[in-house]
Amino acid sequence: MKFHLRRVAGNAELTFEEFCTLLCQAEAVLNSRHICPLSNNPDNQVLTPGHFLIGTSLLALPDQNLIDLPSNCLSRWSHIQQMVQRLWKLLVS
């Protein structure tokens, strides 16, 4: 996790609150990943670490795709969201 976190954060200078936000959202990404491979049956639900934490899957609304936008054009919040999206892309692929 530290390796991927360094890759998405790079040399960004984050405040304490921004770094805490990034870590909390990275934790949510890790707890949303599949533990076992997906089956071909669409009725089967996948097992994630979130099931063990809260008893059901973690639900979040998808955000606007910010991966392809240059980071110097983004607000601080959007910049953090871009880092989280890049982390999700690294961990899922």
PDB file of N, CA and C in Angstrom:
ATOM      1  N   MET A   1       0.815  -1.183   0.000  1.00  0.00           N
ATOM      2  CA  MET A   1       0.000   0.000   0.000  1.00  0.00           C
ATOM      3  C   MET A   1       0.867   1.257   0.000  1.00  0.00           C
ATOM      4  N   LYS A   2       1.966   1.234   0.778  1.00  0.00           N
ATOM      5  CA  LYS A   2       2.830   2.411   0.823  1.00  0.00           C
ATOM      6  C   LYS A   2       3.427   2.709  -0.553  1.00  0.00           C
ATOM      7  N   PHE A   3       3.760   1.673  -1.298  1.00  0.00           N
ATOM      8  CA  PHE A   3       4.327   1.851  -2.629  1.00  0.00           C
ATOM      9  C   PHE A   3       3.335   2.574  -3.536  1.00  0.00           C
ATOM     10  N   HIS A   4       2.092   2.115  -3.553  1.00  0.00           N
ATOM     11  CA  HIS A   4       1.078   2.732  -4.405  1.00  0.00           C
ATOM     12  C   HIS A   4       0.719   4.139  -3.925  1.00  0.00           C
ATOM     13  N   LEU A   5       0.701   4.335  -2.625  1.00  0.00           N
ATOM     14  CA  LEU A   5       0.407   5.659  -2.085  1.00  0.00           C
ATOM     15  C   LEU A   5       1.482   6.662  -2.495  1.00  0.00           C
ATOM     16  N   ARG A   6       2.736   6.225  -2.481  1.00  0.00           N
ATOM     17  CA  ARG A   6       3.818   7.108  -2.944  1.00  0.00           C
ATOM     18  C   ARG A   6       3.688   7.407  -4.436  1.00  0.00           C
ATOM     19  N   ARG A   7       3.242   6.419  -5.203  1.00  0.00           N
ATOM     20  CA  ARG A   7       3.101   6.632  -6.643  1.00  0.00           C
ATOM     21  C   ARG A   7       2.018   7.649  -6.963  1.00  0.00           C
ATOM     22  N   VAL A   8       0.891   7.613  -6.261  1.00  0.00           N
ATOM     23  CA  VAL A   8      -0.187   8.544  -6.583  1.00  0.00           C
ATOM     24  C   VAL A   8       0.043   9.916  -5.953  1.00  0.00           C
ATOM     25  N   ALA A   9       0.653   9.967  -4.771  1.00  0.00           N
ATOM     26  CA  ALA A   9       0.875  11.259  -4.125  1.00  0.00           C
ATOM     27  C   ALA A   9       2.099  11.963  -4.699  1.00  0.00           C
ATOM     28  N   GLY A  10       3.103  11.193  -5.093  1.00  0.00           N
ATOM     29  CA  GLY A  10       4.303  11.797  -5.668  1.00  0.00           C
ATOM     30  C   GLY A  10       4.949  12.770  -4.704  1.00  0.00           C
ATOM     31  N   ASN A  11       5.279  13.922  -5.201  1.00  0.00           N
ATOM     32  CA  ASN A  11       5.904  14.967  -4.386  1.00  0.00           C
ATOM     33  C   ASN A  11       4.896  16.033  -3.967  1.00  0.00           C
ATOM     34  N   ALA A  12       3.621  15.698  -3.980  1.00  0.00           N
ATOM     35  CA  ALA A  12       2.590  16.673  -3.618  1.00  0.00           C
ATOM     36  C   ALA A  12       2.746  17.073  -2.157  1.00  0.00           C
ATOM     37  N   GLU A  13       2.633  18.352  -1.910  1.00  0.00           N
ATOM     38  CA  GLU A  13       2.687  18.859  -0.542  1.00  0.00           C
ATOM     39  C   GLU A  13       1.255  18.960  -0.035  1.00  0.00           C
ATOM     40  N   LEU A  14       0.888  18.040   0.831  1.00  0.00           N
ATOM     41  CA  LEU A  14      -0.465  17.982   1.359  1.00  0.00           C
ATOM     42  C   LEU A  14      -0.487  18.474   2.798  1.00  0.00           C
ATOM     43  N   THR A  15      -1.579  19.139   3.152  1.00  0.00           N
ATOM     44  CA  THR A  15      -1.759  19.512   4.547  1.00  0.00           C
ATOM     45  C   THR A  15      -2.136  18.266   5.334  1.00  0.00           C
ATOM     46  N   PHE A  16      -2.167  18.383   6.650  1.00  0.00           N
ATOM     47  CA  PHE A  16      -2.526  17.253   7.492  1.00  0.00           C
ATOM     48  C   PHE A  16      -3.926  16.755   7.159  1.00  0.00           C
ATOM     49  N   GLU A  17      -4.875  17.676   6.982  1.00  0.00           N
ATOM     50  CA  GLU A  17      -6.249  17.304   6.691  1.00  0.00           C
ATOM     51  C   GLU A  17      -6.371  16.637   5.327  1.00  0.00           C
ATOM     52  N   GLU A  18      -5.630  17.137   4.335  1.00  0.00           N
ATOM     53  CA  GLU A  18      -5.668  16.537   3.002  1.00  0.00           C
ATOM     54  C   GLU A  18      -5.071  15.129   3.020  1.00  0.00           C
ATOM     55  N   PHE A  19      -3.983  14.967   3.760  1.00  0.00           N
ATOM     56  CA  PHE A  19      -3.354  13.650   3.847  1.00  0.00           C
ATOM     57  C   PHE A  19      -4.269  12.662   4.575  1.00  0.00           C
ATOM     58  N   CYS A  20      -4.935  13.115   5.635  1.00  0.00           N
ATOM     59  CA  CYS A  20      -5.888  12.245   6.346  1.00  0.00           C
ATOM     60  C   CYS A  20      -7.042  11.849   5.439  1.00  0.00           C
ATOM     61  N   THR A  21      -7.527  12.782   4.630  1.00  0.00           N
ATOM     62  CA  THR A  21      -8.597  12.478   3.676  1.00  0.00           C
ATOM     63  C   THR A  21      -8.135  11.437   2.676  1.00  0.00           C
ATOM     64  N   LEU A  22      -6.929  11.610   2.149  1.00  0.00           N
ATOM     65  CA  LEU A  22      -6.381  10.652   1.192  1.00  0.00           C
ATOM     66  C   LEU A  22      -6.243   9.269   1.825  1.00  0.00           C
ATOM     67  N   LEU A  23      -5.760   9.200   3.062  1.00  0.00           N
ATOM     68  CA  LEU A  23      -5.601   7.910   3.734  1.00  0.00           C
ATOM     69  C   LEU A  23      -6.945   7.245   4.016  1.00  0.00           C
ATOM     70  N   CYS A  24      -7.931   8.018   4.440  1.00  0.00           N
ATOM     71  CA  CYS A  24      -9.258   7.442   4.722  1.00  0.00           C
ATOM     72  C   CYS A  24      -9.906   6.916   3.450  1.00  0.00           C
ATOM     73  N   GLN A  25      -9.763   7.640   2.363  1.00  0.00           N
ATOM     74  CA  GLN A  25     -10.348   7.173   1.108  1.00  0.00           C
ATOM     75  C   GLN A  25      -9.558   5.993   0.542  1.00  0.00           C
ATOM     76  N   ALA A  26      -8.258   5.964   0.768  1.00  0.00           N
ATOM     77  CA  ALA A  26      -7.459   4.805   0.348  1.00  0.00           C
ATOM     78  C   ALA A  26      -7.880   3.571   1.138  1.00  0.00           C
ATOM     79  N   GLU A  27      -8.198   3.754   2.412  1.00  0.00           N
ATOM     80  CA  GLU A  27      -8.695   2.644   3.233  1.00  0.00           C
ATOM     81  C   GLU A  27     -10.018   2.128   2.678  1.00  0.00           C
ATOM     82  N   ALA A  28     -10.890   3.035   2.256  1.00  0.00           N
ATOM     83  CA  ALA A  28     -12.165   2.620   1.670  1.00  0.00           C
ATOM     84  C   ALA A  28     -11.951   1.873   0.361  1.00  0.00           C
ATOM     85  N   VAL A  29     -10.965   2.294  -0.427  1.00  0.00           N
ATOM     86  CA  VAL A  29     -10.643   1.589  -1.671  1.00  0.00           C
ATOM     87  C   VAL A  29     -10.189   0.167  -1.367  1.00  0.00           C
ATOM     88  N   LEU A  30      -9.312   0.026  -0.388  1.00  0.00           N
ATOM     89  CA  LEU A  30      -8.812  -1.301  -0.028  1.00  0.00           C
ATOM     90  C   LEU A  30      -9.924  -2.198   0.501  1.00  0.00           C
ATOM     91  N   ASN A  31     -10.853  -1.637   1.253  1.00  0.00           N
ATOM     92  CA  ASN A  31     -11.946  -2.429   1.809  1.00  0.00           C
ATOM     93  C   ASN A  31     -13.050  -2.696   0.793  1.00  0.00           C
ATOM     94  N   SER A  32     -12.969  -2.120  -0.393  1.00  0.00           N
ATOM     95  CA  SER A  32     -13.950  -2.357  -1.443  1.00  0.00           C
ATOM     96  C   SER A  32     -13.464  -3.345  -2.495  1.00  0.00           C
ATOM     97  N   ARG A  33     -12.213  -3.734  -2.414  1.00  0.00           N
ATOM     98  CA  ARG A  33     -11.671  -4.679  -3.409  1.00  0.00           C
ATOM     99  C   ARG A  33     -12.221  -6.069  -3.177  1.00  0.00           C
ATOM    100  N   HIS A  34     -12.307  -6.843  -4.245  1.00  0.00           N
ATOM    101  CA  HIS A  34     -12.820  -8.208  -4.177  1.00  0.00           C
ATOM    102  C   HIS A  34     -11.798  -9.131  -3.522  1.00  0.00           C
ATOM    103  N   ILE A  35     -12.283 -10.008  -2.653  1.00  0.00           N
ATOM    104  CA  ILE A  35     -11.412 -10.999  -2.040  1.00  0.00           C
ATOM    105  C   ILE A  35     -11.270 -12.209  -2.953  1.00  0.00           C
ATOM    106  N   CYS A  36     -12.363 -12.597  -3.579  1.00  0.00           N
ATOM    107  CA  CYS A  36     -12.353 -13.770  -4.453  1.00  0.00           C
ATOM    108  C   CYS A  36     -12.730 -13.345  -5.867  1.00  0.00           C
ATOM    109  N   PRO A  37     -12.406 -14.152  -6.866  1.00  0.00           N
ATOM    110  CA  PRO A  37     -12.713 -13.788  -8.251  1.00  0.00           C
ATOM    111  C   PRO A  37     -14.217 -13.699  -8.490  1.00  0.00           C
ATOM    112  N   LEU A  38     -14.586 -12.875  -9.436  1.00  0.00           N
ATOM    113  CA  LEU A  38     -15.985 -12.723  -9.809  1.00  0.00           C
ATOM    114  C   LEU A  38     -16.481 -13.969 -10.525  1.00  0.00           C
ATOM    115  N   SER A  39     -17.711 -14.328 -10.291  1.00  0.00           N
ATOM    116  CA  SER A  39     -18.295 -15.458 -11.010  1.00  0.00           C
ATOM    117  C   SER A  39     -19.051 -14.941 -12.232  1.00  0.00           C
ATOM    118  N   ASN A  40     -19.439 -15.836 -13.108  1.00  0.00           N
ATOM    119  CA  ASN A  40     -20.185 -15.449 -14.307  1.00  0.00           C
ATOM    120  C   ASN A  40     -21.654 -15.203 -14.008  1.00  0.00           C
ATOM    121  N   ASN A  41     -22.127 -15.611 -12.836  1.00  0.00           N
ATOM    122  CA  ASN A  41     -23.516 -15.440 -12.460  1.00  0.00           C
ATOM    123  C   ASN A  41     -23.727 -14.028 -11.908  1.00  0.00           C
ATOM    124  N   PRO A  42     -24.572 -13.197 -12.553  1.00  0.00           N
ATOM    125  CA  PRO A  42     -24.761 -11.825 -12.072  1.00  0.00           C
ATOM    126  C   PRO A  42     -25.534 -11.748 -10.756  1.00  0.00           C
ATOM    127  N   ASP A  43     -26.177 -12.848 -10.341  1.00  0.00           N
ATOM    128  CA  ASP A  43     -26.922 -12.840  -9.090  1.00  0.00           C
ATOM    129  C   ASP A  43     -26.022 -13.012  -7.875  1.00  0.00           C
ATOM    130  N   ASN A  44     -24.814 -13.512  -8.074  1.00  0.00           N
ATOM    131  CA  ASN A  44     -23.883 -13.708  -6.965  1.00  0.00           C
ATOM    132  C   ASN A  44     -23.267 -12.381  -6.563  1.00  0.00           C
ATOM    133  N   GLN A  45     -23.173 -12.176  -5.262  1.00  0.00           N
ATOM    134  CA  GLN A  45     -22.534 -10.983  -4.746  1.00  0.00           C
ATOM    135  C   GLN A  45     -21.082 -11.313  -4.425  1.00  0.00           C
ATOM    136  N   VAL A  46     -20.171 -10.379  -4.670  1.00  0.00           N
ATOM    137  CA  VAL A  46     -18.755 -10.634  -4.389  1.00  0.00           C
ATOM    138  C   VAL A  46     -18.462 -10.343  -2.927  1.00  0.00           C
ATOM    139  N   LEU A  47     -17.456 -11.007  -2.412  1.00  0.00           N
ATOM    140  CA  LEU A  47     -17.057 -10.843  -1.026  1.00  0.00           C
ATOM    141  C   LEU A  47     -15.922  -9.830  -0.952  1.00  0.00           C
ATOM    142  N   THR A  48     -16.105  -8.818  -0.120  1.00  0.00           N
ATOM    143  CA  THR A  48     -15.098  -7.775   0.073  1.00  0.00           C
ATOM    144  C   THR A  48     -14.779  -7.662   1.563  1.00  0.00           C
ATOM    145  N   PRO A  49     -13.660  -7.036   1.923  1.00  0.00           N
ATOM    146  CA  PRO A  49     -13.379  -6.820   3.348  1.00  0.00           C
ATOM    147  C   PRO A  49     -14.457  -5.983   4.034  1.00  0.00           C
ATOM    148  N   GLY A  50     -15.164  -5.155   3.282  1.00  0.00           N
ATOM    149  CA  GLY A  50     -16.244  -4.363   3.852  1.00  0.00           C
ATOM    150  C   GLY A  50     -17.354  -5.215   4.433  1.00  0.00           C
ATOM    151  N   HIS A  51     -17.552  -6.418   3.869  1.00  0.00           N
ATOM    152  CA  HIS A  51     -18.558  -7.322   4.409  1.00  0.00           C
ATOM    153  C   HIS A  51     -18.222  -7.725   5.849  1.00  0.00           C
ATOM    154  N   PHE A  52     -16.945  -7.898   6.145  1.00  0.00           N
ATOM    155  CA  PHE A  52     -16.536  -8.272   7.494  1.00  0.00           C
ATOM    156  C   PHE A  52     -16.587  -7.082   8.450  1.00  0.00           C
ATOM    157  N   LEU A  53     -16.455  -5.866   7.907  1.00  0.00           N
ATOM    158  CA  LEU A  53     -16.456  -4.678   8.762  1.00  0.00           C
ATOM    159  C   LEU A  53     -17.859  -4.232   9.141  1.00  0.00           C
ATOM    160  N   ILE A  54     -18.760  -4.152   8.145  1.00  0.00           N
ATOM    161  CA  ILE A  54     -20.091  -3.624   8.415  1.00  0.00           C
ATOM    162  C   ILE A  54     -21.206  -4.607   8.084  1.00  0.00           C
ATOM    163  N   GLY A  55     -20.869  -5.782   7.577  1.00  0.00           N
ATOM    164  CA  GLY A  55     -21.879  -6.794   7.294  1.00  0.00           C
ATOM    165  C   GLY A  55     -22.477  -6.731   5.907  1.00  0.00           C
ATOM    166  N   THR A  56     -22.116  -5.759   5.114  1.00  0.00           N
ATOM    167  CA  THR A  56     -22.592  -5.628   3.747  1.00  0.00           C
ATOM    168  C   THR A  56     -21.528  -4.908   2.926  1.00  0.00           C
ATOM    169  N   SER A  57     -21.762  -4.790   1.642  1.00  0.00           N
ATOM    170  CA  SER A  57     -20.769  -4.116   0.807  1.00  0.00           C
ATOM    171  C   SER A  57     -20.798  -2.613   1.054  1.00  0.00           C
ATOM    172  N   LEU A  58     -19.651  -1.978   0.852  1.00  0.00           N
ATOM    173  CA  LEU A  58     -19.548  -0.529   0.994  1.00  0.00           C
ATOM    174  C   LEU A  58     -20.135   0.127  -0.245  1.00  0.00           C
ATOM    175  N   LEU A  59     -20.961   1.117  -0.060  1.00  0.00           N
ATOM    176  CA  LEU A  59     -21.600   1.797  -1.181  1.00  0.00           C
ATOM    177  C   LEU A  59     -21.160   3.251  -1.226  1.00  0.00           C
ATOM    178  N   ALA A  60     -20.785   3.700  -2.397  1.00  0.00           N
ATOM    179  CA  ALA A  60     -20.416   5.095  -2.602  1.00  0.00           C
ATOM    180  C   ALA A  60     -20.819   5.489  -4.014  1.00  0.00           C
ATOM    181  N   LEU A  61     -21.240   6.716  -4.172  1.00  0.00           N
ATOM    182  CA  LEU A  61     -21.599   7.210  -5.491  1.00  0.00           C
ATOM    183  C   LEU A  61     -20.331   7.477  -6.291  1.00  0.00           C
ATOM    184  N   PRO A  62     -20.324   7.147  -7.570  1.00  0.00           N
ATOM    185  CA  PRO A  62     -19.124   7.415  -8.378  1.00  0.00           C
ATOM    186  C   PRO A  62     -18.914   8.914  -8.571  1.00  0.00           C
ATOM    187  N   ASP A  63     -17.664   9.316  -8.529  1.00  0.00           N
ATOM    188  CA  ASP A  63     -17.302  10.710  -8.741  1.00  0.00           C
ATOM    189  C   ASP A  63     -16.995  10.958 -10.212  1.00  0.00           C
ATOM    190  N   GLN A  64     -16.895  12.212 -10.568  1.00  0.00           N
ATOM    191  CA  GLN A  64     -16.511  12.592 -11.924  1.00  0.00           C
ATOM    192  C   GLN A  64     -15.091  12.097 -12.176  1.00  0.00           C
ATOM    193  N   ASN A  65     -14.833  11.600 -13.385  1.00  0.00           N
ATOM    194  CA  ASN A  65     -13.513  11.087 -13.728  1.00  0.00           C
ATOM    195  C   ASN A  65     -12.532  12.254 -13.863  1.00  0.00           C
ATOM    196  N   LEU A  66     -11.528  12.267 -13.001  1.00  0.00           N
ATOM    197  CA  LEU A  66     -10.544  13.354 -12.974  1.00  0.00           C
ATOM    198  C   LEU A  66      -9.143  12.894 -13.360  1.00  0.00           C
ATOM    199  N   ILE A  67      -8.989  11.640 -13.740  1.00  0.00           N
ATOM    200  CA  ILE A  67      -7.658  11.076 -13.977  1.00  0.00           C
ATOM    201  C   ILE A  67      -6.936  11.785 -15.123  1.00  0.00           C
ATOM    202  N   ASP A  68      -7.635  12.102 -16.188  1.00  0.00           N
ATOM    203  CA  ASP A  68      -6.985  12.664 -17.372  1.00  0.00           C
ATOM    204  C   ASP A  68      -6.780  14.171 -17.309  1.00  0.00           C
ATOM    205  N   LEU A  69      -7.311  14.840 -16.285  1.00  0.00           N
ATOM    206  CA  LEU A  69      -7.169  16.293 -16.188  1.00  0.00           C
ATOM    207  C   LEU A  69      -5.813  16.651 -15.579  1.00  0.00           C
ATOM    208  N   PRO A  70      -5.190  17.735 -16.042  1.00  0.00           N
ATOM    209  CA  PRO A  70      -3.922  18.153 -15.432  1.00  0.00           C
ATOM    210  C   PRO A  70      -4.157  18.626 -14.001  1.00  0.00           C
ATOM    211  N   SER A  71      -3.276  18.227 -13.096  1.00  0.00           N
ATOM    212  CA  SER A  71      -3.488  18.512 -11.675  1.00  0.00           C
ATOM    213  C   SER A  71      -3.374  19.997 -11.337  1.00  0.00           C
ATOM    214  N   ASN A  72      -2.721  20.796 -12.184  1.00  0.00           N
ATOM    215  CA  ASN A  72      -2.609  22.223 -11.883  1.00  0.00           C
ATOM    216  C   ASN A  72      -3.908  22.982 -12.172  1.00  0.00           C
ATOM    217  N   CYS A  73      -4.881  22.328 -12.803  1.00  0.00           N
ATOM    218  CA  CYS A  73      -6.170  22.959 -13.095  1.00  0.00           C
ATOM    219  C   CYS A  73      -7.235  22.601 -12.063  1.00  0.00           C
ATOM    220  N   LEU A  74      -6.879  21.809 -11.081  1.00  0.00           N
ATOM    221  CA  LEU A  74      -7.862  21.296 -10.130  1.00  0.00           C
ATOM    222  C   LEU A  74      -7.784  22.037  -8.800  1.00  0.00           C
ATOM    223  N   SER A  75      -8.924  22.063  -8.104  1.00  0.00           N
ATOM    224  CA  SER A  75      -8.926  22.585  -6.741  1.00  0.00           C
ATOM    225  C   SER A  75      -8.229  21.568  -5.841  1.00  0.00           C
ATOM    226  N   ARG A  76      -7.997  21.920  -4.614  1.00  0.00           N
ATOM    227  CA  ARG A  76      -7.311  20.996  -3.697  1.00  0.00           C
ATOM    228  C   ARG A  76      -8.127  19.727  -3.493  1.00  0.00           C
ATOM    229  N   TRP A  77      -9.462  19.871  -3.332  1.00  0.00           N
ATOM    230  CA  TRP A  77     -10.334  18.704  -3.131  1.00  0.00           C
ATOM    231  C   TRP A  77     -10.301  17.810  -4.369  1.00  0.00           C
ATOM    232  N   SER A  78     -10.391  18.411  -5.548  1.00  0.00           N
ATOM    233  CA  SER A  78     -10.372  17.633  -6.784  1.00  0.00           C
ATOM    234  C   SER A  78      -9.028  16.937  -6.976  1.00  0.00           C
ATOM    235  N   HIS A  79      -7.968  17.578  -6.529  1.00  0.00           N
ATOM    236  CA  HIS A  79      -6.632  16.977  -6.629  1.00  0.00           C
ATOM    237  C   HIS A  79      -6.556  15.713  -5.760  1.00  0.00           C
ATOM    238  N   ILE A  80      -7.120  15.768  -4.561  1.00  0.00           N
ATOM    239  CA  ILE A  80      -7.150  14.590  -3.678  1.00  0.00           C
ATOM    240  C   ILE A  80      -8.003  13.493  -4.320  1.00  0.00           C
ATOM    241  N   GLN A  81      -9.141  13.862  -4.901  1.00  0.00           N
ATOM    242  CA  GLN A  81     -10.006  12.879  -5.548  1.00  0.00           C
ATOM    243  C   GLN A  81      -9.313  12.241  -6.750  1.00  0.00           C
ATOM    244  N   GLN A  82      -8.506  13.020  -7.468  1.00  0.00           N
ATOM    245  CA  GLN A  82      -7.745  12.482  -8.585  1.00  0.00           C
ATOM    246  C   GLN A  82      -6.735  11.446  -8.090  1.00  0.00           C
ATOM    247  N   MET A  83      -6.085  11.712  -6.958  1.00  0.00           N
ATOM    248  CA  MET A  83      -5.141  10.752  -6.385  1.00  0.00           C
ATOM    249  C   MET A  83      -5.853   9.465  -5.990  1.00  0.00           C
ATOM    250  N   VAL A  84      -7.033   9.584  -5.404  1.00  0.00           N
ATOM    251  CA  VAL A  84      -7.801   8.404  -5.002  1.00  0.00           C
ATOM    252  C   VAL A  84      -8.213   7.599  -6.228  1.00  0.00           C
ATOM    253  N   GLN A  85      -8.620   8.268  -7.298  1.00  0.00           N
ATOM    254  CA  GLN A  85      -9.002   7.559  -8.524  1.00  0.00           C
ATOM    255  C   GLN A  85      -7.806   6.849  -9.145  1.00  0.00           C
ATOM    256  N   ARG A  86      -6.638   7.483  -9.111  1.00  0.00           N
ATOM    257  CA  ARG A  86      -5.441   6.815  -9.623  1.00  0.00           C
ATOM    258  C   ARG A  86      -5.075   5.614  -8.758  1.00  0.00           C
ATOM    259  N   LEU A  87      -5.242   5.728  -7.436  1.00  0.00           N
ATOM    260  CA  LEU A  87      -4.985   4.606  -6.541  1.00  0.00           C
ATOM    261  C   LEU A  87      -5.934   3.458  -6.835  1.00  0.00           C
ATOM    262  N   TRP A  88      -7.218   3.761  -7.025  1.00  0.00           N
ATOM    263  CA  TRP A  88      -8.213   2.724  -7.356  1.00  0.00           C
ATOM    264  C   TRP A  88      -7.812   2.021  -8.648  1.00  0.00           C
ATOM    265  N   LYS A  89      -7.396   2.785  -9.643  1.00  0.00           N
ATOM    266  CA  LYS A  89      -7.007   2.210 -10.934  1.00  0.00           C
ATOM    267  C   LYS A  89      -5.782   1.297 -10.770  1.00  0.00           C
ATOM    268  N   LEU A  90      -4.815   1.699  -9.942  1.00  0.00           N
ATOM    269  CA  LEU A  90      -3.621   0.885  -9.716  1.00  0.00           C
ATOM    270  C   LEU A  90      -3.962  -0.425  -8.999  1.00  0.00           C
ATOM    271  N   LEU A  91      -4.833  -0.352  -8.006  1.00  0.00           N
ATOM    272  CA  LEU A  91      -5.132  -1.527  -7.203  1.00  0.00           C
ATOM    273  C   LEU A  91      -6.081  -2.492  -7.877  1.00  0.00           C
ATOM    274  N   VAL A  92      -6.939  -2.016  -8.750  1.00  0.00           N
ATOM    275  CA  VAL A  92      -7.903  -2.895  -9.411  1.00  0.00           C
ATOM    276  C   VAL A  92      -7.272  -3.595 -10.604  1.00  0.00           C
ATOM    277  N   SER A  93      -6.404  -2.917 -11.307  1.00  0.00           N
ATOM    278  CA  SER A  93      -5.813  -3.536 -12.502  1.00  0.00           C
ATOM    279  C   SER A  93      -4.678  -4.461 -12.185  1.00  0.00           C
TER     280      SER A  93
END
